[in-house]
Amino acid sequence: MDLTIAEIIAQIPVDDPVRDWWDDASAMPADTTVSEFFLKTLKAASDAQRVKNANLSAGSRIDGYPAPTFGAITIDASTNLQTYLMTCSVRARVATNLDVAVSPLV
């Protein structure tokens, strides 16, 4: 069970340009869940941030895409499948009305 993109879009205000973008976006690849889409996207953002920050001076580095955190590995007794929980996040300075992200520099 996962959220659908439509369920997420429904929570974005109708007049928000981000909603317009989502409304116009193509469908996700077949067999891709919403959680997989966001985990891969946020992991890539964290990696891109690390690469970009290598050439930026302190005070101008991006700090909005923390590295993922990982839980302990568990093994399913019946399938031997090894898994772990991966948590990705985004941080940004936002206006108090939560209407706009001001900066990924924290």
N, C-alpha and C. Protein backbone atom coordinates (compact mmCIF):
# COMPACT_ATOMS: atom_id res chain seq x y z
N MET A 1 0.85 -1.17 0.00
CA MET A 1 0.00 0.00 0.00
C MET A 1 0.89 1.23 0.00
N ASP A 2 0.55 2.19 -0.83
CA ASP A 2 1.31 3.43 -0.92
C ASP A 2 0.34 4.54 -1.32
N LEU A 3 0.76 5.77 -1.16
CA LEU A 3 0.00 6.89 -1.68
C LEU A 3 0.07 6.87 -3.21
N THR A 4 -0.86 7.54 -3.83
CA THR A 4 -0.78 7.75 -5.27
C THR A 4 -0.35 9.20 -5.50
N ILE A 5 0.18 9.46 -6.67
CA ILE A 5 0.53 10.84 -7.01
C ILE A 5 -0.73 11.71 -6.96
N ALA A 6 -1.85 11.19 -7.41
CA ALA A 6 -3.10 11.97 -7.38
C ALA A 6 -3.47 12.37 -5.96
N GLU A 7 -3.26 11.48 -4.99
CA GLU A 7 -3.57 11.80 -3.59
C GLU A 7 -2.66 12.91 -3.07
N ILE A 8 -1.41 12.90 -3.50
CA ILE A 8 -0.47 13.95 -3.09
C ILE A 8 -0.85 15.27 -3.74
N ILE A 9 -1.10 15.24 -5.04
CA ILE A 9 -1.46 16.46 -5.77
C ILE A 9 -2.71 17.11 -5.16
N ALA A 10 -3.65 16.30 -4.73
CA ALA A 10 -4.89 16.82 -4.16
C ALA A 10 -4.65 17.67 -2.91
N GLN A 11 -3.50 17.50 -2.26
CA GLN A 11 -3.20 18.26 -1.05
C GLN A 11 -2.45 19.57 -1.33
N ILE A 12 -2.11 19.82 -2.58
CA ILE A 12 -1.44 21.07 -2.96
C ILE A 12 -2.53 22.06 -3.38
N PRO A 13 -2.47 23.30 -2.87
CA PRO A 13 -3.51 24.28 -3.22
C PRO A 13 -3.68 24.39 -4.75
N VAL A 14 -4.93 24.57 -5.16
CA VAL A 14 -5.28 24.59 -6.59
C VAL A 14 -4.52 25.68 -7.35
N ASP A 15 -4.29 26.83 -6.76
CA ASP A 15 -3.65 27.93 -7.47
C ASP A 15 -2.12 27.91 -7.36
N ASP A 16 -1.54 26.84 -6.84
CA ASP A 16 -0.08 26.75 -6.67
C ASP A 16 0.56 26.26 -7.96
N PRO A 17 1.61 26.95 -8.44
CA PRO A 17 2.28 26.52 -9.67
C PRO A 17 2.90 25.12 -9.57
N VAL A 18 3.22 24.70 -8.35
CA VAL A 18 3.75 23.34 -8.18
C VAL A 18 2.66 22.32 -8.53
N ARG A 19 1.43 22.62 -8.15
CA ARG A 19 0.34 21.72 -8.53
C ARG A 19 0.17 21.69 -10.04
N ASP A 20 0.27 22.84 -10.68
CA ASP A 20 0.17 22.89 -12.14
C ASP A 20 1.23 22.00 -12.77
N TRP A 21 2.45 22.05 -12.22
CA TRP A 21 3.52 21.23 -12.76
C TRP A 21 3.17 19.76 -12.61
N TRP A 22 2.73 19.36 -11.42
CA TRP A 22 2.36 17.96 -11.20
C TRP A 22 1.21 17.54 -12.11
N ASP A 23 0.22 18.41 -12.29
CA ASP A 23 -0.90 18.08 -13.16
C ASP A 23 -0.43 17.80 -14.59
N ASP A 24 0.62 18.50 -15.02
CA ASP A 24 1.14 18.33 -16.38
C ASP A 24 2.20 17.24 -16.50
N ALA A 25 2.68 16.73 -15.37
CA ALA A 25 3.77 15.75 -15.40
C ALA A 25 3.30 14.44 -16.01
N SER A 26 4.23 13.75 -16.62
CA SER A 26 3.93 12.43 -17.18
C SER A 26 3.71 11.44 -16.05
N ALA A 27 3.12 10.34 -16.40
CA ALA A 27 2.94 9.27 -15.42
C ALA A 27 4.30 8.70 -15.02
N MET A 28 4.37 8.18 -13.81
CA MET A 28 5.61 7.55 -13.35
C MET A 28 5.84 6.27 -14.16
N PRO A 29 7.09 5.82 -14.21
CA PRO A 29 7.36 4.57 -14.91
C PRO A 29 6.54 3.42 -14.32
N ALA A 30 6.19 2.48 -15.15
CA ALA A 30 5.42 1.32 -14.69
C ALA A 30 6.16 0.62 -13.56
N ASP A 31 5.42 0.11 -12.61
CA ASP A 31 5.96 -0.65 -11.48
C ASP A 31 6.83 0.19 -10.54
N THR A 32 6.72 1.51 -10.62
CA THR A 32 7.43 2.38 -9.69
C THR A 32 6.43 2.92 -8.68
N THR A 33 6.70 2.68 -7.40
CA THR A 33 5.81 3.20 -6.36
C THR A 33 6.17 4.65 -6.06
N VAL A 34 5.26 5.35 -5.42
CA VAL A 34 5.52 6.73 -5.03
C VAL A 34 6.71 6.80 -4.07
N SER A 35 6.77 5.88 -3.11
CA SER A 35 7.89 5.91 -2.16
C SER A 35 9.22 5.66 -2.88
N GLU A 36 9.25 4.76 -3.83
CA GLU A 36 10.49 4.52 -4.60
C GLU A 36 10.88 5.77 -5.38
N PHE A 37 9.90 6.42 -6.00
CA PHE A 37 10.15 7.64 -6.76
C PHE A 37 10.80 8.72 -5.88
N PHE A 38 10.19 8.96 -4.71
CA PHE A 38 10.72 10.01 -3.84
C PHE A 38 12.06 9.60 -3.20
N LEU A 39 12.22 8.36 -2.80
CA LEU A 39 13.49 7.93 -2.21
C LEU A 39 14.63 8.09 -3.20
N LYS A 40 14.43 7.64 -4.44
CA LYS A 40 15.49 7.76 -5.45
C LYS A 40 15.77 9.22 -5.78
N THR A 41 14.70 10.04 -5.85
CA THR A 41 14.88 11.45 -6.16
C THR A 41 15.62 12.18 -5.04
N LEU A 42 15.22 11.95 -3.79
CA LEU A 42 15.87 12.62 -2.67
C LEU A 42 17.29 12.12 -2.44
N LYS A 43 17.55 10.85 -2.67
CA LYS A 43 18.91 10.32 -2.57
C LYS A 43 19.79 10.99 -3.62
N ALA A 44 19.28 11.12 -4.84
CA ALA A 44 20.02 11.80 -5.91
C ALA A 44 20.27 13.27 -5.57
N ALA A 45 19.28 13.93 -4.96
CA ALA A 45 19.46 15.34 -4.56
C ALA A 45 20.56 15.45 -3.51
N SER A 46 20.59 14.52 -2.56
CA SER A 46 21.64 14.53 -1.54
C SER A 46 23.01 14.31 -2.16
N ASP A 47 23.10 13.37 -3.10
CA ASP A 47 24.38 13.12 -3.78
C ASP A 47 24.81 14.34 -4.60
N ALA A 48 23.87 14.96 -5.31
CA ALA A 48 24.18 16.15 -6.12
C ALA A 48 24.63 17.30 -5.22
N GLN A 49 24.00 17.44 -4.06
CA GLN A 49 24.39 18.48 -3.10
C GLN A 49 25.83 18.26 -2.65
N ARG A 50 26.18 17.03 -2.33
CA ARG A 50 27.54 16.71 -1.88
C ARG A 50 28.56 17.09 -2.96
N VAL A 51 28.27 16.75 -4.21
CA VAL A 51 29.17 17.06 -5.32
C VAL A 51 29.29 18.57 -5.51
N LYS A 52 28.16 19.26 -5.50
CA LYS A 52 28.17 20.72 -5.71
C LYS A 52 28.88 21.43 -4.57
N ASN A 53 28.65 20.99 -3.33
CA ASN A 53 29.26 21.64 -2.18
C ASN A 53 30.77 21.49 -2.13
N ALA A 54 31.31 20.51 -2.83
CA ALA A 54 32.76 20.31 -2.83
C ALA A 54 33.49 21.54 -3.38
N ASN A 55 32.80 22.32 -4.22
CA ASN A 55 33.43 23.50 -4.83
C ASN A 55 32.88 24.82 -4.28
N LEU A 56 32.12 24.75 -3.20
CA LEU A 56 31.56 25.97 -2.61
C LEU A 56 32.21 26.26 -1.27
N SER A 57 32.35 27.54 -0.95
CA SER A 57 32.95 27.91 0.33
C SER A 57 31.91 27.82 1.45
N ALA A 58 32.41 27.68 2.67
CA ALA A 58 31.53 27.64 3.84
C ALA A 58 30.64 28.88 3.82
N GLY A 59 29.41 28.73 4.20
CA GLY A 59 28.46 29.83 4.20
C GLY A 59 27.64 29.91 2.93
N SER A 60 28.12 29.26 1.87
CA SER A 60 27.34 29.25 0.63
C SER A 60 26.98 27.82 0.21
N ARG A 61 27.30 26.86 1.07
CA ARG A 61 26.97 25.47 0.76
C ARG A 61 25.49 25.20 0.96
N ILE A 62 24.96 24.33 0.14
CA ILE A 62 23.57 23.90 0.25
C ILE A 62 23.50 22.86 1.36
N ASP A 63 22.47 22.98 2.19
CA ASP A 63 22.31 22.05 3.31
C ASP A 63 20.87 21.56 3.40
N GLY A 64 20.17 21.57 2.27
CA GLY A 64 18.75 21.25 2.28
C GLY A 64 18.40 19.81 2.02
N TYR A 65 19.41 19.00 1.65
CA TYR A 65 19.15 17.61 1.28
C TYR A 65 20.06 16.68 2.07
N PRO A 66 19.73 16.44 3.35
CA PRO A 66 20.59 15.61 4.19
C PRO A 66 20.78 14.21 3.60
N ALA A 67 21.92 13.61 3.92
CA ALA A 67 22.17 12.23 3.50
C ALA A 67 21.10 11.32 4.11
N PRO A 68 20.70 10.31 3.37
CA PRO A 68 19.70 9.37 3.93
C PRO A 68 20.23 8.70 5.19
N THR A 69 19.31 8.27 6.02
CA THR A 69 19.67 7.45 7.18
C THR A 69 19.12 6.05 6.93
N PHE A 70 19.79 5.07 7.50
CA PHE A 70 19.43 3.68 7.26
C PHE A 70 19.24 2.95 8.58
N GLY A 71 18.20 2.15 8.64
CA GLY A 71 17.95 1.32 9.81
C GLY A 71 18.74 0.03 9.72
N ALA A 72 18.58 -0.80 10.73
CA ALA A 72 19.26 -2.09 10.77
C ALA A 72 18.71 -3.01 9.69
N ILE A 73 19.56 -3.85 9.16
CA ILE A 73 19.15 -4.84 8.17
C ILE A 73 18.31 -5.91 8.85
N THR A 74 17.21 -6.26 8.21
CA THR A 74 16.39 -7.37 8.68
C THR A 74 16.31 -8.40 7.56
N ILE A 75 16.11 -9.65 7.94
CA ILE A 75 16.02 -10.73 6.97
C ILE A 75 14.67 -11.41 7.12
N ASP A 76 13.93 -11.47 6.01
CA ASP A 76 12.64 -12.17 6.02
C ASP A 76 12.91 -13.67 6.12
N ALA A 77 12.37 -14.30 7.15
CA ALA A 77 12.65 -15.72 7.41
C ALA A 77 12.18 -16.63 6.29
N SER A 78 11.10 -16.27 5.62
CA SER A 78 10.58 -17.17 4.59
C SER A 78 11.21 -16.97 3.22
N THR A 79 11.71 -15.76 2.93
CA THR A 79 12.28 -15.49 1.59
C THR A 79 13.78 -15.21 1.62
N ASN A 80 14.33 -15.00 2.79
CA ASN A 80 15.73 -14.61 2.95
C ASN A 80 16.04 -13.22 2.37
N LEU A 81 15.01 -12.45 2.03
CA LEU A 81 15.20 -11.11 1.48
C LEU A 81 15.72 -10.19 2.59
N GLN A 82 16.83 -9.51 2.31
CA GLN A 82 17.40 -8.57 3.27
C GLN A 82 16.90 -7.16 2.93
N THR A 83 16.41 -6.45 3.94
CA THR A 83 15.91 -5.09 3.73
C THR A 83 16.33 -4.20 4.90
N TYR A 84 16.20 -2.91 4.71
CA TYR A 84 16.40 -1.93 5.78
C TYR A 84 15.51 -0.75 5.50
N LEU A 85 15.22 0.03 6.52
CA LEU A 85 14.46 1.26 6.36
C LEU A 85 15.41 2.38 5.93
N MET A 86 15.04 3.11 4.91
CA MET A 86 15.81 4.25 4.41
C MET A 86 14.94 5.48 4.58
N THR A 87 15.48 6.51 5.24
CA THR A 87 14.74 7.75 5.45
C THR A 87 15.46 8.89 4.75
N CYS A 88 14.74 9.59 3.88
CA CYS A 88 15.27 10.77 3.20
C CYS A 88 14.43 11.97 3.61
N SER A 89 15.03 13.14 3.56
CA SER A 89 14.29 14.33 3.96
C SER A 89 14.78 15.56 3.19
N VAL A 90 14.05 16.64 3.36
CA VAL A 90 14.38 17.93 2.77
C VAL A 90 14.27 18.98 3.87
N ARG A 91 15.22 19.91 3.90
CA ARG A 91 15.15 21.03 4.84
C ARG A 91 15.24 22.31 4.04
N ALA A 92 14.43 23.29 4.41
CA ALA A 92 14.50 24.59 3.74
C ALA A 92 13.97 25.66 4.68
N ARG A 93 14.48 26.86 4.51
CA ARG A 93 13.94 27.99 5.26
C ARG A 93 12.68 28.43 4.51
N VAL A 94 11.56 28.50 5.23
CA VAL A 94 10.28 28.83 4.59
C VAL A 94 9.63 30.02 5.27
N ALA A 95 8.80 30.71 4.51
CA ALA A 95 8.01 31.79 5.08
C ALA A 95 7.05 31.21 6.11
N THR A 96 6.67 32.00 7.10
CA THR A 96 5.84 31.48 8.19
C THR A 96 4.47 30.99 7.73
N ASN A 97 4.01 31.41 6.56
CA ASN A 97 2.73 30.92 6.05
C ASN A 97 2.91 29.63 5.24
N LEU A 98 4.14 29.10 5.20
CA LEU A 98 4.48 27.88 4.48
C LEU A 98 4.18 27.95 2.99
N ASP A 99 4.07 29.15 2.46
CA ASP A 99 3.69 29.30 1.08
C ASP A 99 4.88 29.14 0.13
N VAL A 100 6.08 29.46 0.59
CA VAL A 100 7.20 29.44 -0.33
C VAL A 100 8.48 29.04 0.41
N ALA A 101 9.26 28.19 -0.22
CA ALA A 101 10.58 27.87 0.32
C ALA A 101 11.51 29.01 -0.04
N VAL A 102 12.14 29.60 0.95
CA VAL A 102 13.01 30.74 0.73
C VAL A 102 14.39 30.30 0.29
N SER A 103 14.93 29.24 0.92
CA SER A 103 16.29 28.85 0.61
C SER A 103 16.59 27.46 1.15
N PRO A 104 17.37 26.67 0.38
CA PRO A 104 17.85 25.40 0.92
C PRO A 104 19.11 25.60 1.76
N LEU A 105 19.60 26.84 1.87
CA LEU A 105 20.75 27.13 2.72
C LEU A 105 20.22 27.30 4.13
N VAL A 106 20.71 26.47 5.03
CA VAL A 106 20.20 26.52 6.40
C VAL A 106 21.20 27.18 7.30
